[in-house]
Amino acid sequence: SSSAQSGGSTSPQGSSSSAGAATGKPRT
């Protein structure tokens, strides 16, 4: 993809997103 891929709002369901390195922490 042209940007990177993402998650929704900042809530556990459907989070917001940004490109970068893996944090090593599971996401929800």
PDB file of all heavy atoms in Angstrom:
ATOM      1  N   SER A   1       0.820  -1.179   0.000  1.00  0.00           N
ATOM      2  CA  SER A   1       0.000   0.000   0.000  1.00  0.00           C
ATOM      3  C   SER A   1       0.857   1.231   0.000  1.00  0.00           C
ATOM      4  O   SER A   1       2.014   1.210   0.333  1.00  0.00           O
ATOM      5  CB  SER A   1      -0.902   0.015   1.211  1.00  0.00           C
ATOM      6  OG  SER A   1      -0.312   0.694   2.234  1.00  0.00           O
ATOM      7  N   SER A   2       0.300   2.370  -0.355  1.00  0.00           N
ATOM      8  CA  SER A   2       1.085   3.578  -0.439  1.00  0.00           C
ATOM      9  C   SER A   2       1.391   4.141   0.922  1.00  0.00           C
ATOM     10  O   SER A   2       2.391   4.770   1.115  1.00  0.00           O
ATOM     11  CB  SER A   2       0.332   4.620  -1.256  1.00  0.00           C
ATOM     12  OG  SER A   2      -0.905   4.884  -0.652  1.00  0.00           O
ATOM     13  N   SER A   3       0.567   3.975   1.882  1.00  0.00           N
ATOM     14  CA  SER A   3       0.868   4.424   3.211  1.00  0.00           C
ATOM     15  C   SER A   3       1.271   3.277   4.055  1.00  0.00           C
ATOM     16  O   SER A   3       2.099   2.575   3.897  1.00  0.00           O
ATOM     17  CB  SER A   3      -0.309   5.141   3.832  1.00  0.00           C
ATOM     18  OG  SER A   3      -1.503   4.560   3.475  1.00  0.00           O
ATOM     19  N   ALA A   4       0.780   2.781   5.041  1.00  0.00           N
ATOM     20  CA  ALA A   4       1.339   1.609   5.661  1.00  0.00           C
ATOM     21  C   ALA A   4       0.202   0.776   6.095  1.00  0.00           C
ATOM     22  O   ALA A   4      -0.339   0.150   5.551  1.00  0.00           O
ATOM     23  CB  ALA A   4       2.211   1.927   6.799  1.00  0.00           C
ATOM     24  N   GLN A   5      -0.450   0.436   6.950  1.00  0.00           N
ATOM     25  CA  GLN A   5      -1.764  -0.139   7.084  1.00  0.00           C
ATOM     26  C   GLN A   5      -2.246   0.127   8.444  1.00  0.00           C
ATOM     27  O   GLN A   5      -1.497   0.419   9.310  1.00  0.00           O
ATOM     28  CB  GLN A   5      -1.804  -1.610   6.816  1.00  0.00           C
ATOM     29  CG  GLN A   5      -1.726  -1.819   5.354  1.00  0.00           C
ATOM     30  CD  GLN A   5      -1.491  -3.226   5.019  1.00  0.00           C
ATOM     31  OE1 GLN A   5      -2.212  -3.861   4.359  1.00  0.00           O
ATOM     32  NE2 GLN A   5      -0.481  -3.752   5.463  1.00  0.00           N
ATOM     33  N   SER A   6      -3.519  -0.018   8.737  1.00  0.00           N
ATOM     34  CA  SER A   6      -3.910   0.688   9.902  1.00  0.00           C
ATOM     35  C   SER A   6      -4.946   0.089  10.795  1.00  0.00           C
ATOM     36  O   SER A   6      -5.560  -0.881  10.491  1.00  0.00           O
ATOM     37  CB  SER A   6      -4.436   1.999   9.424  1.00  0.00           C
ATOM     38  OG  SER A   6      -5.733   2.167   9.839  1.00  0.00           O
ATOM     39  N   GLY A   7      -5.246   0.725  11.863  1.00  0.00           N
ATOM     40  CA  GLY A   7      -6.229   0.301  12.814  1.00  0.00           C
ATOM     41  C   GLY A   7      -7.186   1.419  13.069  1.00  0.00           C
ATOM     42  O   GLY A   7      -6.872   2.546  12.908  1.00  0.00           O
ATOM     43  N   GLY A   8      -8.339   1.277  13.580  1.00  0.00           N
ATOM     44  CA  GLY A   8      -9.356   2.294  13.683  1.00  0.00           C
ATOM     45  C   GLY A   8      -9.147   3.374  14.696  1.00  0.00           C
ATOM     46  O   GLY A   8      -8.121   3.982  14.778  1.00  0.00           O
ATOM     47  N   SER A   9     -10.135   3.667  15.543  1.00  0.00           N
ATOM     48  CA  SER A   9     -10.008   4.721  16.516  1.00  0.00           C
ATOM     49  C   SER A   9      -9.060   4.296  17.606  1.00  0.00           C
ATOM     50  O   SER A   9      -8.543   3.212  17.592  1.00  0.00           O
ATOM     51  CB  SER A   9     -11.377   5.003  17.133  1.00  0.00           C
ATOM     52  OG  SER A   9     -11.753   3.904  17.902  1.00  0.00           O
ATOM     53  N   THR A  10      -8.863   5.153  18.595  1.00  0.00           N
ATOM     54  CA  THR A  10      -7.911   4.791  19.642  1.00  0.00           C
ATOM     55  C   THR A  10      -8.547   3.891  20.687  1.00  0.00           C
ATOM     56  O   THR A  10      -7.910   3.541  21.671  1.00  0.00           O
ATOM     57  CB  THR A  10      -7.366   6.057  20.314  1.00  0.00           C
ATOM     58  OG1 THR A  10      -8.467   6.852  20.757  1.00  0.00           O
ATOM     59  CG2 THR A  10      -6.547   6.863  19.331  1.00  0.00           C
ATOM     60  N   SER A  11      -9.792   3.524  20.515  1.00  0.00           N
ATOM     61  CA  SER A  11     -10.421   2.589  21.431  1.00  0.00           C
ATOM     62  C   SER A  11      -9.983   1.181  21.077  1.00  0.00           C
ATOM     63  O   SER A  11      -9.443   0.929  20.024  1.00  0.00           O
ATOM     64  CB  SER A  11     -11.949   2.700  21.306  1.00  0.00           C
ATOM     65  OG  SER A  11     -12.344   2.285  20.032  1.00  0.00           O
ATOM     66  N   PRO A  12     -10.216   0.188  21.991  1.00  0.00           N
ATOM     67  CA  PRO A  12      -9.789  -1.172  21.692  1.00  0.00           C
ATOM     68  C   PRO A  12     -10.374  -1.713  20.399  1.00  0.00           C
ATOM     69  O   PRO A  12      -9.799  -2.561  19.759  1.00  0.00           O
ATOM     70  CB  PRO A  12     -10.287  -1.972  22.905  1.00  0.00           C
ATOM     71  CG  PRO A  12     -10.336  -0.980  24.006  1.00  0.00           C
ATOM     72  CD  PRO A  12     -10.725   0.312  23.342  1.00  0.00           C
ATOM     73  N   GLN A  13     -11.578  -1.251  20.009  1.00  0.00           N
ATOM     74  CA  GLN A  13     -12.180  -1.764  18.795  1.00  0.00           C
ATOM     75  C   GLN A  13     -11.931  -0.782  17.665  1.00  0.00           C
ATOM     76  O   GLN A  13     -12.423   0.329  17.683  1.00  0.00           O
ATOM     77  CB  GLN A  13     -13.692  -1.936  18.968  1.00  0.00           C
ATOM     78  CG  GLN A  13     -14.045  -2.855  20.110  1.00  0.00           C
ATOM     79  CD  GLN A  13     -15.523  -2.877  20.354  1.00  0.00           C
ATOM     80  OE1 GLN A  13     -16.252  -2.013  19.924  1.00  0.00           O
ATOM     81  NE2 GLN A  13     -15.981  -3.867  21.071  1.00  0.00           N
ATOM     82  N   GLY A  14     -11.173  -1.190  16.674  1.00  0.00           N
ATOM     83  CA  GLY A  14     -10.964  -0.363  15.521  1.00  0.00           C
ATOM     84  C   GLY A  14     -10.116   0.822  15.856  1.00  0.00           C
ATOM     85  O   GLY A  14     -10.603   1.898  16.107  1.00  0.00           O
ATOM     86  N   SER A  15      -8.805   0.706  15.904  1.00  0.00           N
ATOM     87  CA  SER A  15      -7.942   1.736  16.407  1.00  0.00           C
ATOM     88  C   SER A  15      -7.400   2.651  15.349  1.00  0.00           C
ATOM     89  O   SER A  15      -7.431   2.376  14.190  1.00  0.00           O
ATOM     90  CB  SER A  15      -6.782   1.061  17.089  1.00  0.00           C
ATOM     91  OG  SER A  15      -6.300   0.063  16.270  1.00  0.00           O
ATOM     92  N   SER A  16      -6.805   3.776  15.754  1.00  0.00           N
ATOM     93  CA  SER A  16      -6.130   4.653  14.815  1.00  0.00           C
ATOM     94  C   SER A  16      -4.776   4.085  14.523  1.00  0.00           C
ATOM     95  O   SER A  16      -4.357   3.126  15.122  1.00  0.00           O
ATOM     96  CB  SER A  16      -5.983   6.044  15.416  1.00  0.00           C
ATOM     97  OG  SER A  16      -5.053   6.013  16.448  1.00  0.00           O
ATOM     98  N   SER A  17      -4.023   4.665  13.590  1.00  0.00           N
ATOM     99  CA  SER A  17      -2.799   4.002  13.224  1.00  0.00           C
ATOM    100  C   SER A  17      -1.729   4.932  12.767  1.00  0.00           C
ATOM    101  O   SER A  17      -1.955   6.071  12.493  1.00  0.00           O
ATOM    102  CB  SER A  17      -3.088   3.025  12.124  1.00  0.00           C
ATOM    103  OG  SER A  17      -3.734   3.690  11.111  1.00  0.00           O
ATOM    104  N   SER A  18      -0.497   4.428  12.643  1.00  0.00           N
ATOM    105  CA  SER A  18       0.606   5.191  12.081  1.00  0.00           C
ATOM    106  C   SER A  18       1.695   4.254  11.686  1.00  0.00           C
ATOM    107  O   SER A  18       1.812   3.166  12.215  1.00  0.00           O
ATOM    108  CB  SER A  18       1.133   6.185  13.101  1.00  0.00           C
ATOM    109  OG  SER A  18       1.976   5.537  13.997  1.00  0.00           O
ATOM    110  N   ALA A  19       2.506   4.683  10.730  1.00  0.00           N
ATOM    111  CA  ALA A  19       3.603   3.841  10.290  1.00  0.00           C
ATOM    112  C   ALA A  19       4.733   3.904  11.291  1.00  0.00           C
ATOM    113  O   ALA A  19       4.837   4.817  12.082  1.00  0.00           O
ATOM    114  CB  ALA A  19       4.079   4.305   8.911  1.00  0.00           C
ATOM    115  N   GLY A  20       5.618   2.924  11.232  1.00  0.00           N
ATOM    116  CA  GLY A  20       6.762   2.912  12.129  1.00  0.00           C
ATOM    117  C   GLY A  20       7.178   1.494  12.418  1.00  0.00           C
ATOM    118  O   GLY A  20       6.670   0.555  11.843  1.00  0.00           O
ATOM    119  N   ALA A  21       8.106   1.347  13.338  1.00  0.00           N
ATOM    120  CA  ALA A  21       8.602   0.025  13.687  1.00  0.00           C
ATOM    121  C   ALA A  21       7.634  -0.677  14.622  1.00  0.00           C
ATOM    122  O   ALA A  21       6.832  -0.043  15.306  1.00  0.00           O
ATOM    123  CB  ALA A  21       9.974   0.153  14.341  1.00  0.00           C
ATOM    124  N   ALA A  22       7.719  -2.002  14.657  1.00  0.00           N
ATOM    125  CA  ALA A  22       6.888  -2.772  15.574  1.00  0.00           C
ATOM    126  C   ALA A  22       7.256  -2.413  17.007  1.00  0.00           C
ATOM    127  O   ALA A  22       8.421  -2.217  17.340  1.00  0.00           O
ATOM    128  CB  ALA A  22       7.091  -4.263  15.334  1.00  0.00           C
ATOM    129  N   THR A  23       6.247  -2.295  17.852  1.00  0.00           N
ATOM    130  CA  THR A  23       6.482  -1.930  19.245  1.00  0.00           C
ATOM    131  C   THR A  23       6.811  -3.141  20.106  1.00  0.00           C
ATOM    132  O   THR A  23       7.330  -2.984  21.206  1.00  0.00           O
ATOM    133  CB  THR A  23       5.237  -1.251  19.819  1.00  0.00           C
ATOM    134  OG1 THR A  23       4.150  -2.197  19.834  1.00  0.00           O
ATOM    135  CG2 THR A  23       4.825  -0.049  18.967  1.00  0.00           C
ATOM    136  N   GLY A  24       6.469  -4.337  19.634  1.00  0.00           N
ATOM    137  CA  GLY A  24       6.655  -5.531  20.445  1.00  0.00           C
ATOM    138  C   GLY A  24       5.506  -5.765  21.404  1.00  0.00           C
ATOM    139  O   GLY A  24       5.460  -6.769  22.103  1.00  0.00           O
ATOM    140  N   LYS A  25       4.559  -4.821  21.444  1.00  0.00           N
ATOM    141  CA  LYS A  25       3.416  -4.954  22.345  1.00  0.00           C
ATOM    142  C   LYS A  25       2.173  -5.317  21.545  1.00  0.00           C
ATOM    143  O   LYS A  25       1.863  -4.668  20.550  1.00  0.00           O
ATOM    144  CB  LYS A  25       3.186  -3.639  23.086  1.00  0.00           C
ATOM    145  CG  LYS A  25       4.343  -3.207  23.968  1.00  0.00           C
ATOM    146  CD  LYS A  25       4.042  -1.880  24.650  1.00  0.00           C
ATOM    147  CE  LYS A  25       5.204  -1.444  25.541  1.00  0.00           C
ATOM    148  NZ  LYS A  25       4.936  -0.133  26.180  1.00  0.00           N
ATOM    149  N   PRO A  26       1.438  -6.352  21.944  1.00  0.00           N
ATOM    150  CA  PRO A  26       0.221  -6.731  21.234  1.00  0.00           C
ATOM    151  C   PRO A  26      -0.770  -5.567  21.167  1.00  0.00           C
ATOM    152  O   PRO A  26      -0.849  -4.752  22.087  1.00  0.00           O
ATOM    153  CB  PRO A  26      -0.340  -7.886  22.071  1.00  0.00           C
ATOM    154  CG  PRO A  26       0.842  -8.419  22.802  1.00  0.00           C
ATOM    155  CD  PRO A  26       1.719  -7.227  23.084  1.00  0.00           C
ATOM    156  N   ARG A  27      -1.536  -5.493  20.091  1.00  0.00           N
ATOM    157  CA  ARG A  27      -2.549  -4.463  19.910  1.00  0.00           C
ATOM    158  C   ARG A  27      -3.939  -5.080  19.967  1.00  0.00           C
ATOM    159  O   ARG A  27      -4.107  -6.288  19.806  1.00  0.00           O
ATOM    160  CB  ARG A  27      -2.342  -3.748  18.575  1.00  0.00           C
ATOM    161  CG  ARG A  27      -1.019  -2.987  18.505  1.00  0.00           C
ATOM    162  CD  ARG A  27      -0.988  -1.841  19.491  1.00  0.00           C
ATOM    163  NE  ARG A  27       0.259  -1.088  19.399  1.00  0.00           N
ATOM    164  CZ  ARG A  27       0.516  -0.009  20.116  1.00  0.00           C
ATOM    165  NH1 ARG A  27      -0.374   0.430  20.984  1.00  0.00           N
ATOM    166  NH2 ARG A  27       1.664   0.621  19.984  1.00  0.00           N
ATOM    167  N   THR A  28      -4.935  -4.221  20.169  1.00  0.00           N
ATOM    168  CA  THR A  28      -6.268  -4.748  20.433  1.00  0.00           C
ATOM    169  C   THR A  28      -7.320  -4.304  19.432  1.00  0.00           C
ATOM    170  O   THR A  28      -8.489  -4.595  19.604  1.00  0.00           O
ATOM    171  CB  THR A  28      -6.728  -4.315  21.841  1.00  0.00           C
ATOM    172  OG1 THR A  28      -6.689  -2.883  21.932  1.00  0.00           O
ATOM    173  CG2 THR A  28      -5.834  -4.913  22.902  1.00  0.00           C
TER     174      THR A  28
END
